[in-house]
N, C-alpha and C. Protein backbone atom coordinates (compact mmCIF):
# COMPACT_ATOMS: atom_id res chain seq x y z
N MET A 1 -98.46 133.98 -104.98
CA MET A 1 -97.91 133.90 -106.32
C MET A 1 -98.07 132.50 -106.90
N ILE A 2 -97.72 131.48 -106.15
CA ILE A 2 -97.84 130.10 -106.61
C ILE A 2 -99.31 129.74 -106.83
N PHE A 3 -100.18 130.35 -106.00
CA PHE A 3 -101.62 130.12 -106.14
C PHE A 3 -102.12 130.60 -107.49
N ARG A 4 -101.63 131.75 -107.96
CA ARG A 4 -102.03 132.29 -109.27
C ARG A 4 -101.57 131.38 -110.41
N VAL A 5 -100.38 130.87 -110.32
CA VAL A 5 -99.86 129.98 -111.36
C VAL A 5 -100.70 128.71 -111.42
N ILE A 6 -101.00 128.14 -110.27
CA ILE A 6 -101.82 126.93 -110.23
C ILE A 6 -103.22 127.24 -110.76
N LEU A 7 -103.79 128.37 -110.40
CA LEU A 7 -105.11 128.76 -110.87
C LEU A 7 -105.13 128.92 -112.39
N TRP A 8 -104.11 129.59 -112.93
CA TRP A 8 -104.04 129.76 -114.38
C TRP A 8 -103.84 128.41 -115.09
N ALA A 9 -103.07 127.54 -114.49
CA ALA A 9 -102.85 126.22 -115.07
C ALA A 9 -104.16 125.42 -115.10
N VAL A 10 -104.92 125.48 -114.03
CA VAL A 10 -106.20 124.78 -113.96
C VAL A 10 -107.17 125.35 -114.99
N ILE A 11 -107.22 126.69 -115.09
CA ILE A 11 -108.10 127.33 -116.07
C ILE A 11 -107.70 126.93 -117.48
N LEU A 12 -106.41 126.91 -117.76
CA LEU A 12 -105.91 126.52 -119.08
C LEU A 12 -106.26 125.07 -119.39
N VAL A 13 -106.12 124.19 -118.44
CA VAL A 13 -106.46 122.78 -118.64
C VAL A 13 -107.95 122.63 -118.91
N VAL A 14 -108.79 123.35 -118.18
CA VAL A 14 -110.23 123.28 -118.38
C VAL A 14 -110.59 123.78 -119.78
N ILE A 15 -109.99 124.86 -120.21
CA ILE A 15 -110.27 125.41 -121.54
C ILE A 15 -109.81 124.43 -122.62
N LEU A 16 -108.63 123.87 -122.48
CA LEU A 16 -108.13 122.91 -123.46
C LEU A 16 -108.99 121.66 -123.50
N ARG A 17 -109.45 121.18 -122.36
CA ARG A 17 -110.34 120.02 -122.34
C ARG A 17 -111.65 120.33 -123.06
N PHE A 18 -112.18 121.52 -122.83
CA PHE A 18 -113.41 121.93 -123.49
C PHE A 18 -113.23 121.94 -125.00
N ILE A 19 -112.11 122.50 -125.44
CA ILE A 19 -111.84 122.58 -126.88
C ILE A 19 -111.68 121.18 -127.48
N THR A 20 -110.91 120.33 -126.84
CA THR A 20 -110.63 119.02 -127.42
C THR A 20 -111.80 118.05 -127.30
N ARG A 21 -112.63 118.20 -126.29
CA ARG A 21 -113.74 117.25 -126.10
C ARG A 21 -115.05 117.71 -126.71
N PHE A 22 -115.21 119.00 -126.93
CA PHE A 22 -116.49 119.48 -127.44
C PHE A 22 -116.35 120.16 -128.80
N LEU A 23 -115.49 121.13 -128.92
CA LEU A 23 -115.42 121.93 -130.14
C LEU A 23 -114.82 121.16 -131.32
N LEU A 24 -113.74 120.45 -131.12
CA LEU A 24 -113.13 119.72 -132.24
C LEU A 24 -114.05 118.64 -132.79
N PRO A 25 -114.69 117.82 -131.96
CA PRO A 25 -115.65 116.86 -132.52
C PRO A 25 -116.82 117.54 -133.21
N LEU A 26 -117.25 118.67 -132.69
CA LEU A 26 -118.34 119.41 -133.31
C LEU A 26 -117.94 119.86 -134.71
N PHE A 27 -116.74 120.38 -134.87
CA PHE A 27 -116.26 120.80 -136.19
C PHE A 27 -116.15 119.59 -137.12
N HIS A 28 -115.68 118.47 -136.59
CA HIS A 28 -115.54 117.25 -137.40
C HIS A 28 -116.92 116.77 -137.88
N ILE A 29 -117.87 116.75 -136.98
CA ILE A 29 -119.22 116.31 -137.35
C ILE A 29 -119.83 117.25 -138.38
N THR A 30 -119.65 118.54 -138.18
CA THR A 30 -120.20 119.52 -139.11
C THR A 30 -119.62 119.34 -140.51
N SER A 31 -118.33 119.15 -140.59
CA SER A 31 -117.70 119.00 -141.91
C SER A 31 -118.12 117.69 -142.56
N SER A 32 -118.24 116.61 -141.79
CA SER A 32 -118.64 115.34 -142.39
C SER A 32 -120.10 115.39 -142.86
N VAL A 33 -120.96 116.05 -142.11
CA VAL A 33 -122.36 116.18 -142.53
C VAL A 33 -122.44 117.03 -143.79
N THR A 34 -121.67 118.09 -143.86
CA THR A 34 -121.64 118.94 -145.05
C THR A 34 -121.19 118.14 -146.26
N ASN A 35 -120.15 117.34 -146.11
CA ASN A 35 -119.66 116.52 -147.22
C ASN A 35 -120.71 115.51 -147.66
N LYS A 36 -121.38 114.88 -146.71
CA LYS A 36 -122.41 113.90 -147.08
C LYS A 36 -123.59 114.56 -147.77
N MET A 37 -123.96 115.74 -147.33
CA MET A 37 -125.05 116.46 -147.99
C MET A 37 -124.66 116.84 -149.41
N ARG A 38 -123.43 117.24 -149.61
CA ARG A 38 -122.94 117.59 -150.94
C ARG A 38 -122.97 116.36 -151.85
N ASP A 39 -122.55 115.21 -151.31
CA ASP A 39 -122.57 113.97 -152.09
C ASP A 39 -124.00 113.58 -152.46
N MET A 40 -124.91 113.72 -151.51
CA MET A 40 -126.31 113.39 -151.79
C MET A 40 -126.89 114.32 -152.85
N GLN A 41 -126.51 115.59 -152.80
CA GLN A 41 -126.99 116.55 -153.80
C GLN A 41 -126.48 116.18 -155.19
N LYS A 42 -125.21 115.75 -155.27
CA LYS A 42 -124.66 115.33 -156.55
C LYS A 42 -125.41 114.10 -157.08
N GLN A 43 -125.69 113.16 -156.20
CA GLN A 43 -126.42 111.96 -156.61
C GLN A 43 -127.82 112.32 -157.10
N MET A 44 -128.47 113.23 -156.41
CA MET A 44 -129.81 113.65 -156.83
C MET A 44 -129.76 114.36 -158.18
N ASP A 45 -128.74 115.18 -158.40
CA ASP A 45 -128.59 115.86 -159.69
C ASP A 45 -128.39 114.84 -160.81
N GLN A 46 -127.54 113.83 -160.56
CA GLN A 46 -127.30 112.80 -161.57
C GLN A 46 -128.58 112.02 -161.86
N LEU A 47 -129.32 111.69 -160.82
CA LEU A 47 -130.57 110.96 -160.99
C LEU A 47 -131.57 111.80 -161.79
N HIS A 48 -131.63 113.08 -161.51
CA HIS A 48 -132.54 113.96 -162.23
C HIS A 48 -132.15 114.04 -163.71
N GLN A 49 -130.86 114.11 -163.99
CA GLN A 49 -130.41 114.16 -165.38
C GLN A 49 -130.75 112.86 -166.10
N GLN A 50 -130.57 111.73 -165.44
CA GLN A 50 -130.90 110.44 -166.05
C GLN A 50 -132.40 110.35 -166.34
N GLN A 51 -133.21 110.79 -165.41
CA GLN A 51 -134.65 110.76 -165.60
C GLN A 51 -135.07 111.68 -166.75
N ALA A 52 -134.43 112.84 -166.85
CA ALA A 52 -134.75 113.77 -167.93
C ALA A 52 -134.39 113.15 -169.27
N LYS A 53 -133.25 112.47 -169.36
CA LYS A 53 -132.86 111.81 -170.61
C LYS A 53 -133.85 110.70 -170.96
N GLN A 54 -134.25 109.93 -169.97
CA GLN A 54 -135.19 108.84 -170.23
C GLN A 54 -136.54 109.39 -170.70
N GLN A 55 -137.00 110.47 -170.09
CA GLN A 55 -138.26 111.06 -170.50
C GLN A 55 -138.16 111.62 -171.92
N GLU A 56 -137.02 112.21 -172.24
CA GLU A 56 -136.82 112.75 -173.58
C GLU A 56 -136.81 111.62 -174.61
N GLN A 57 -136.14 110.52 -174.29
CA GLN A 57 -136.11 109.37 -175.21
C GLN A 57 -137.50 108.77 -175.35
N GLN A 58 -138.24 108.68 -174.27
CA GLN A 58 -139.60 108.14 -174.32
C GLN A 58 -140.49 109.04 -175.17
N GLN A 59 -140.33 110.34 -175.03
CA GLN A 59 -141.11 111.29 -175.82
C GLN A 59 -140.79 111.14 -177.31
N LYS A 60 -139.51 110.96 -177.63
CA LYS A 60 -139.12 110.77 -179.03
C LYS A 60 -139.73 109.48 -179.58
N ARG A 61 -139.73 108.42 -178.77
CA ARG A 61 -140.32 107.15 -179.20
C ARG A 61 -141.82 107.32 -179.44
N ASN A 62 -142.48 108.02 -178.55
CA ASN A 62 -143.91 108.23 -178.71
C ASN A 62 -144.22 109.06 -179.95
N ASP A 63 -143.42 110.08 -180.19
CA ASP A 63 -143.61 110.91 -181.37
C ASP A 63 -143.39 110.10 -182.65
N ALA A 64 -142.36 109.27 -182.65
CA ALA A 64 -142.07 108.44 -183.82
C ALA A 64 -143.16 107.40 -184.04
N SER A 65 -143.68 106.84 -182.99
CA SER A 65 -144.72 105.82 -183.16
C SER A 65 -146.02 106.45 -183.61
N LYS A 66 -146.29 107.66 -183.23
CA LYS A 66 -147.51 108.35 -183.67
C LYS A 66 -147.43 108.67 -185.16
N LYS A 67 -146.27 109.00 -185.64
CA LYS A 67 -146.11 109.31 -187.06
C LYS A 67 -146.34 108.06 -187.90
N GLY A 68 -145.93 106.93 -187.42
CA GLY A 68 -146.07 105.69 -188.17
C GLY A 68 -147.48 105.16 -188.19
N GLU A 69 -148.31 105.59 -187.27
CA GLU A 69 -149.67 105.07 -187.19
C GLU A 69 -150.66 105.85 -188.03
N TYR A 70 -150.24 106.90 -188.65
CA TYR A 70 -151.15 107.74 -189.42
C TYR A 70 -151.56 107.02 -190.70
N ILE A 71 -152.85 106.92 -190.90
CA ILE A 71 -153.38 106.31 -192.12
C ILE A 71 -154.16 107.38 -192.85
N GLU A 72 -153.79 107.57 -194.10
CA GLU A 72 -154.46 108.60 -194.88
C GLU A 72 -155.87 108.15 -195.22
N PHE A 73 -156.79 109.05 -195.07
CA PHE A 73 -158.21 108.74 -195.29
C PHE A 73 -158.57 109.09 -196.72
N GLU A 74 -159.23 108.14 -197.39
CA GLU A 74 -159.73 108.39 -198.74
C GLU A 74 -161.24 108.33 -198.69
N GLU A 75 -161.84 109.30 -199.26
CA GLU A 75 -163.30 109.33 -199.25
C GLU A 75 -163.83 108.47 -200.39
N THR A 76 -164.78 107.60 -200.09
CA THR A 76 -165.38 106.75 -201.12
C THR A 76 -166.86 107.08 -201.23
N ARG A 77 -167.38 106.98 -202.47
CA ARG A 77 -168.80 107.30 -202.68
C ARG A 77 -169.58 106.13 -203.13
């Protein structure tokens, strides 16, 4: 009878050690990596939006400068 109690106690300690030394750090690492990936995705989205705005402004500048460069042609004889 005492042997069974000791055996169950040893098994319980081994299981708890496995959980605390392997599974909990694994969950912590997984969640931190997920959070960092989410942050990187947000940064990339913001960078993409900034680049799109800059390209749009550059396009507007180019369109405006092209309009100003037009010289009407008059035919001379």
